N, C-alpha and C. Protein backbone atom coordinates (compact mmCIF):
# COMPACT_ATOMS: atom_id res chain seq x y z
N MET A 1 -48.59 19.71 -32.26
CA MET A 1 -48.16 20.56 -33.35
C MET A 1 -49.39 21.13 -34.04
N SER A 2 -49.28 22.35 -34.53
CA SER A 2 -50.45 23.03 -35.07
C SER A 2 -50.58 22.91 -36.59
N THR A 3 -49.59 22.41 -37.28
CA THR A 3 -49.63 22.31 -38.73
C THR A 3 -50.49 21.13 -39.15
N SER A 4 -51.29 21.31 -40.17
CA SER A 4 -52.15 20.25 -40.67
C SER A 4 -51.34 19.06 -41.16
N PRO A 5 -51.82 17.83 -40.90
CA PRO A 5 -51.11 16.65 -41.39
C PRO A 5 -51.09 16.56 -42.92
N ASP A 6 -51.93 17.36 -43.59
CA ASP A 6 -51.96 17.36 -45.05
C ASP A 6 -50.91 18.30 -45.65
N ALA A 7 -50.28 19.13 -44.81
CA ALA A 7 -49.25 20.05 -45.29
C ALA A 7 -48.03 19.26 -45.75
N PRO A 8 -47.27 19.79 -46.69
CA PRO A 8 -46.04 19.11 -47.11
C PRO A 8 -45.13 18.83 -45.91
N VAL A 9 -44.42 17.72 -45.98
CA VAL A 9 -43.60 17.29 -44.84
C VAL A 9 -42.58 18.34 -44.44
N GLU A 10 -41.99 19.04 -45.40
CA GLU A 10 -41.00 20.06 -45.06
C GLU A 10 -41.64 21.20 -44.25
N GLN A 11 -42.84 21.56 -44.61
CA GLN A 11 -43.56 22.62 -43.88
C GLN A 11 -43.86 22.15 -42.46
N ARG A 12 -44.27 20.90 -42.30
CA ARG A 12 -44.55 20.37 -40.97
C ARG A 12 -43.28 20.27 -40.13
N LEU A 13 -42.17 19.87 -40.75
CA LEU A 13 -40.90 19.80 -40.03
C LEU A 13 -40.45 21.20 -39.59
N ARG A 14 -40.59 22.16 -40.47
CA ARG A 14 -40.22 23.54 -40.14
C ARG A 14 -41.00 24.03 -38.93
N ARG A 15 -42.32 23.85 -38.99
CA ARG A 15 -43.17 24.30 -37.88
C ARG A 15 -42.80 23.57 -36.59
N SER A 16 -42.52 22.27 -36.70
CA SER A 16 -42.17 21.48 -35.54
C SER A 16 -40.86 21.96 -34.92
N ILE A 17 -39.84 22.18 -35.74
CA ILE A 17 -38.55 22.66 -35.22
C ILE A 17 -38.74 23.97 -34.48
N LEU A 18 -39.43 24.90 -35.10
CA LEU A 18 -39.62 26.21 -34.48
C LEU A 18 -40.48 26.11 -33.22
N ASP A 19 -41.53 25.30 -33.25
CA ASP A 19 -42.38 25.13 -32.06
C ASP A 19 -41.61 24.47 -30.92
N LEU A 20 -40.86 23.43 -31.23
CA LEU A 20 -40.09 22.75 -30.19
C LEU A 20 -39.08 23.70 -29.55
N LEU A 21 -38.42 24.50 -30.36
CA LEU A 21 -37.45 25.46 -29.82
C LEU A 21 -38.13 26.55 -29.00
N ASP A 22 -39.30 26.99 -29.43
CA ASP A 22 -40.04 28.02 -28.68
C ASP A 22 -40.43 27.53 -27.29
N ARG A 23 -40.62 26.23 -27.14
CA ARG A 23 -41.03 25.67 -25.85
C ARG A 23 -39.84 25.40 -24.93
N ARG A 24 -38.65 25.57 -25.42
CA ARG A 24 -37.45 25.33 -24.62
C ARG A 24 -36.93 26.65 -24.06
N ARG A 25 -36.10 26.55 -23.04
CA ARG A 25 -35.50 27.75 -22.46
C ARG A 25 -34.54 28.36 -23.49
N PRO A 26 -34.24 29.64 -23.39
CA PRO A 26 -33.29 30.26 -24.31
C PRO A 26 -31.94 29.52 -24.29
N GLY A 27 -31.40 29.28 -25.45
CA GLY A 27 -30.11 28.60 -25.58
C GLY A 27 -30.20 27.09 -25.61
N ALA A 28 -31.37 26.54 -25.32
CA ALA A 28 -31.54 25.08 -25.35
C ALA A 28 -31.57 24.59 -26.79
N THR A 29 -31.28 23.33 -26.97
CA THR A 29 -31.23 22.74 -28.31
C THR A 29 -32.21 21.59 -28.44
N ILE A 30 -32.47 21.23 -29.69
CA ILE A 30 -33.22 20.02 -30.00
C ILE A 30 -32.41 19.22 -31.02
N CYS A 31 -32.74 17.97 -31.13
CA CYS A 31 -32.15 17.11 -32.15
C CYS A 31 -33.08 17.12 -33.36
N PRO A 32 -32.55 17.04 -34.57
CA PRO A 32 -33.44 16.92 -35.72
C PRO A 32 -34.43 15.76 -35.58
N SER A 33 -34.03 14.72 -34.86
CA SER A 33 -34.93 13.57 -34.67
C SER A 33 -36.14 13.94 -33.82
N ASP A 34 -36.03 14.96 -32.97
CA ASP A 34 -37.19 15.39 -32.19
C ASP A 34 -38.31 15.87 -33.12
N ALA A 35 -37.93 16.65 -34.12
CA ALA A 35 -38.92 17.14 -35.09
C ALA A 35 -39.42 15.98 -35.97
N ALA A 36 -38.52 15.11 -36.37
CA ALA A 36 -38.92 13.97 -37.19
C ALA A 36 -39.92 13.09 -36.45
N ARG A 37 -39.67 12.84 -35.18
CA ARG A 37 -40.60 12.04 -34.38
C ARG A 37 -41.94 12.75 -34.21
N ASP A 38 -41.90 14.08 -34.07
CA ASP A 38 -43.11 14.86 -33.90
C ASP A 38 -44.00 14.80 -35.13
N VAL A 39 -43.39 14.76 -36.30
CA VAL A 39 -44.12 14.82 -37.56
C VAL A 39 -44.50 13.44 -38.08
N ALA A 40 -43.69 12.45 -37.79
CA ALA A 40 -43.86 11.11 -38.37
C ALA A 40 -45.09 10.39 -37.82
N GLU A 41 -45.56 9.49 -38.63
CA GLU A 41 -46.61 8.58 -38.20
C GLU A 41 -45.95 7.30 -37.71
N ALA A 42 -46.35 6.87 -36.52
CA ALA A 42 -45.84 5.63 -35.91
C ALA A 42 -44.32 5.66 -35.83
N ASP A 43 -43.66 4.63 -36.31
CA ASP A 43 -42.20 4.52 -36.21
C ASP A 43 -41.47 4.89 -37.49
N SER A 44 -42.08 5.74 -38.32
CA SER A 44 -41.47 6.09 -39.60
C SER A 44 -40.57 7.31 -39.52
N TRP A 45 -40.21 7.76 -38.31
CA TRP A 45 -39.46 9.01 -38.15
C TRP A 45 -38.07 8.97 -38.77
N ARG A 46 -37.44 7.79 -38.80
CA ARG A 46 -36.09 7.72 -39.36
C ARG A 46 -36.06 8.15 -40.83
N GLY A 47 -37.12 7.89 -41.54
CA GLY A 47 -37.22 8.30 -42.93
C GLY A 47 -37.33 9.80 -43.11
N LEU A 48 -37.54 10.52 -42.02
CA LEU A 48 -37.65 11.99 -42.09
C LEU A 48 -36.38 12.70 -41.64
N MET A 49 -35.34 11.94 -41.33
CA MET A 49 -34.11 12.58 -40.84
C MET A 49 -33.43 13.44 -41.91
N VAL A 50 -33.35 12.96 -43.13
CA VAL A 50 -32.73 13.78 -44.19
C VAL A 50 -33.56 15.04 -44.44
N PRO A 51 -34.88 14.91 -44.58
CA PRO A 51 -35.66 16.15 -44.73
C PRO A 51 -35.55 17.07 -43.52
N ALA A 52 -35.47 16.52 -42.30
CA ALA A 52 -35.35 17.37 -41.10
C ALA A 52 -34.04 18.15 -41.13
N ARG A 53 -32.97 17.51 -41.53
CA ARG A 53 -31.68 18.21 -41.63
C ARG A 53 -31.73 19.26 -42.75
N ARG A 54 -32.41 18.94 -43.83
CA ARG A 54 -32.54 19.89 -44.95
C ARG A 54 -33.32 21.13 -44.49
N VAL A 55 -34.39 20.92 -43.74
CA VAL A 55 -35.19 22.04 -43.23
C VAL A 55 -34.35 22.86 -42.23
N ALA A 56 -33.59 22.17 -41.38
CA ALA A 56 -32.72 22.88 -40.44
C ALA A 56 -31.72 23.75 -41.19
N ALA A 57 -31.17 23.24 -42.28
CA ALA A 57 -30.21 24.02 -43.08
C ALA A 57 -30.90 25.26 -43.66
N ALA A 58 -32.14 25.12 -44.10
CA ALA A 58 -32.88 26.27 -44.63
C ALA A 58 -33.12 27.31 -43.53
N LEU A 59 -33.40 26.84 -42.32
CA LEU A 59 -33.61 27.76 -41.20
C LEU A 59 -32.31 28.48 -40.82
N VAL A 60 -31.18 27.80 -40.99
CA VAL A 60 -29.88 28.44 -40.78
C VAL A 60 -29.71 29.57 -41.80
N GLU A 61 -30.01 29.27 -43.05
CA GLU A 61 -29.89 30.28 -44.12
C GLU A 61 -30.76 31.49 -43.84
N GLU A 62 -31.91 31.28 -43.19
CA GLU A 62 -32.82 32.37 -42.85
C GLU A 62 -32.37 33.12 -41.60
N GLY A 63 -31.36 32.60 -40.92
CA GLY A 63 -30.85 33.25 -39.72
C GLY A 63 -31.69 32.97 -38.48
N LEU A 64 -32.54 31.95 -38.53
CA LEU A 64 -33.42 31.66 -37.39
C LEU A 64 -32.82 30.67 -36.40
N VAL A 65 -31.97 29.77 -36.88
CA VAL A 65 -31.36 28.77 -36.00
C VAL A 65 -29.90 28.61 -36.36
N GLU A 66 -29.18 27.93 -35.47
CA GLU A 66 -27.81 27.54 -35.75
C GLU A 66 -27.66 26.07 -35.40
N ILE A 67 -26.70 25.43 -36.02
CA ILE A 67 -26.45 24.01 -35.82
C ILE A 67 -25.22 23.89 -34.91
N THR A 68 -25.33 23.05 -33.90
CA THR A 68 -24.23 22.87 -32.97
C THR A 68 -23.84 21.40 -32.85
N GLN A 69 -22.61 21.23 -32.43
CA GLN A 69 -22.06 19.91 -32.12
C GLN A 69 -21.12 20.13 -30.95
N GLY A 70 -21.36 19.43 -29.87
CA GLY A 70 -20.52 19.64 -28.69
C GLY A 70 -20.58 21.06 -28.16
N GLY A 71 -21.72 21.73 -28.38
CA GLY A 71 -21.90 23.09 -27.90
C GLY A 71 -21.33 24.17 -28.80
N ARG A 72 -20.62 23.78 -29.87
CA ARG A 72 -20.04 24.75 -30.80
C ARG A 72 -20.84 24.81 -32.09
N VAL A 73 -20.97 25.99 -32.66
CA VAL A 73 -21.67 26.16 -33.93
C VAL A 73 -20.85 25.51 -35.03
N VAL A 74 -21.51 24.70 -35.87
CA VAL A 74 -20.86 24.01 -36.97
C VAL A 74 -21.64 24.21 -38.25
N ASP A 75 -20.99 23.93 -39.35
CA ASP A 75 -21.62 23.96 -40.67
C ASP A 75 -22.27 22.60 -40.91
N LEU A 76 -23.57 22.60 -41.11
CA LEU A 76 -24.30 21.35 -41.30
C LEU A 76 -23.82 20.58 -42.52
N ASP A 77 -23.33 21.29 -43.53
CA ASP A 77 -22.86 20.63 -44.75
C ASP A 77 -21.61 19.79 -44.51
N THR A 78 -20.82 20.17 -43.52
CA THR A 78 -19.57 19.44 -43.27
C THR A 78 -19.59 18.66 -41.96
N ALA A 79 -20.61 18.86 -41.15
CA ALA A 79 -20.70 18.16 -39.86
C ALA A 79 -20.98 16.68 -40.09
N THR A 80 -20.30 15.85 -39.33
CA THR A 80 -20.57 14.43 -39.36
C THR A 80 -21.05 14.01 -37.98
N GLY A 81 -21.96 13.08 -37.95
CA GLY A 81 -22.50 12.62 -36.68
C GLY A 81 -23.67 13.47 -36.22
N PRO A 82 -24.08 13.22 -34.97
CA PRO A 82 -25.25 13.91 -34.44
C PRO A 82 -25.02 15.41 -34.30
N VAL A 83 -26.06 16.15 -34.60
CA VAL A 83 -26.04 17.61 -34.45
C VAL A 83 -27.24 18.04 -33.63
N ARG A 84 -27.20 19.26 -33.16
CA ARG A 84 -28.31 19.85 -32.42
C ARG A 84 -28.70 21.15 -33.13
N ILE A 85 -29.94 21.57 -32.89
CA ILE A 85 -30.46 22.80 -33.47
C ILE A 85 -30.76 23.75 -32.32
N ARG A 86 -30.31 25.00 -32.45
CA ARG A 86 -30.53 26.01 -31.42
C ARG A 86 -31.06 27.26 -32.06
N LYS A 87 -32.04 27.87 -31.44
CA LYS A 87 -32.58 29.13 -31.91
C LYS A 87 -31.54 30.22 -31.76
N VAL A 88 -31.43 31.06 -32.77
CA VAL A 88 -30.52 32.20 -32.71
C VAL A 88 -31.11 33.23 -31.74
N SER A 89 -30.27 33.70 -30.83
CA SER A 89 -30.78 34.67 -29.83
C SER A 89 -30.54 36.08 -30.25
């Protein structure tokens, strides 16, 4: 990841989500935990899951990504369980 470790965690998560998606084929998804693991130190990634979902929601608002569950676009505010993040094409 190219973001400085001194950058705020939300900024690092944002960059990580976008970088991870850029490296995937069009239409592919990532889990918020992928970004959390990318940004976290050691095994502390679980503590970044709420911020990762919050950053994903902000990216949805910007029109850059969409949240899916079972391949269908869902509202992150009402989704329960695991979700995936997909770049808007």
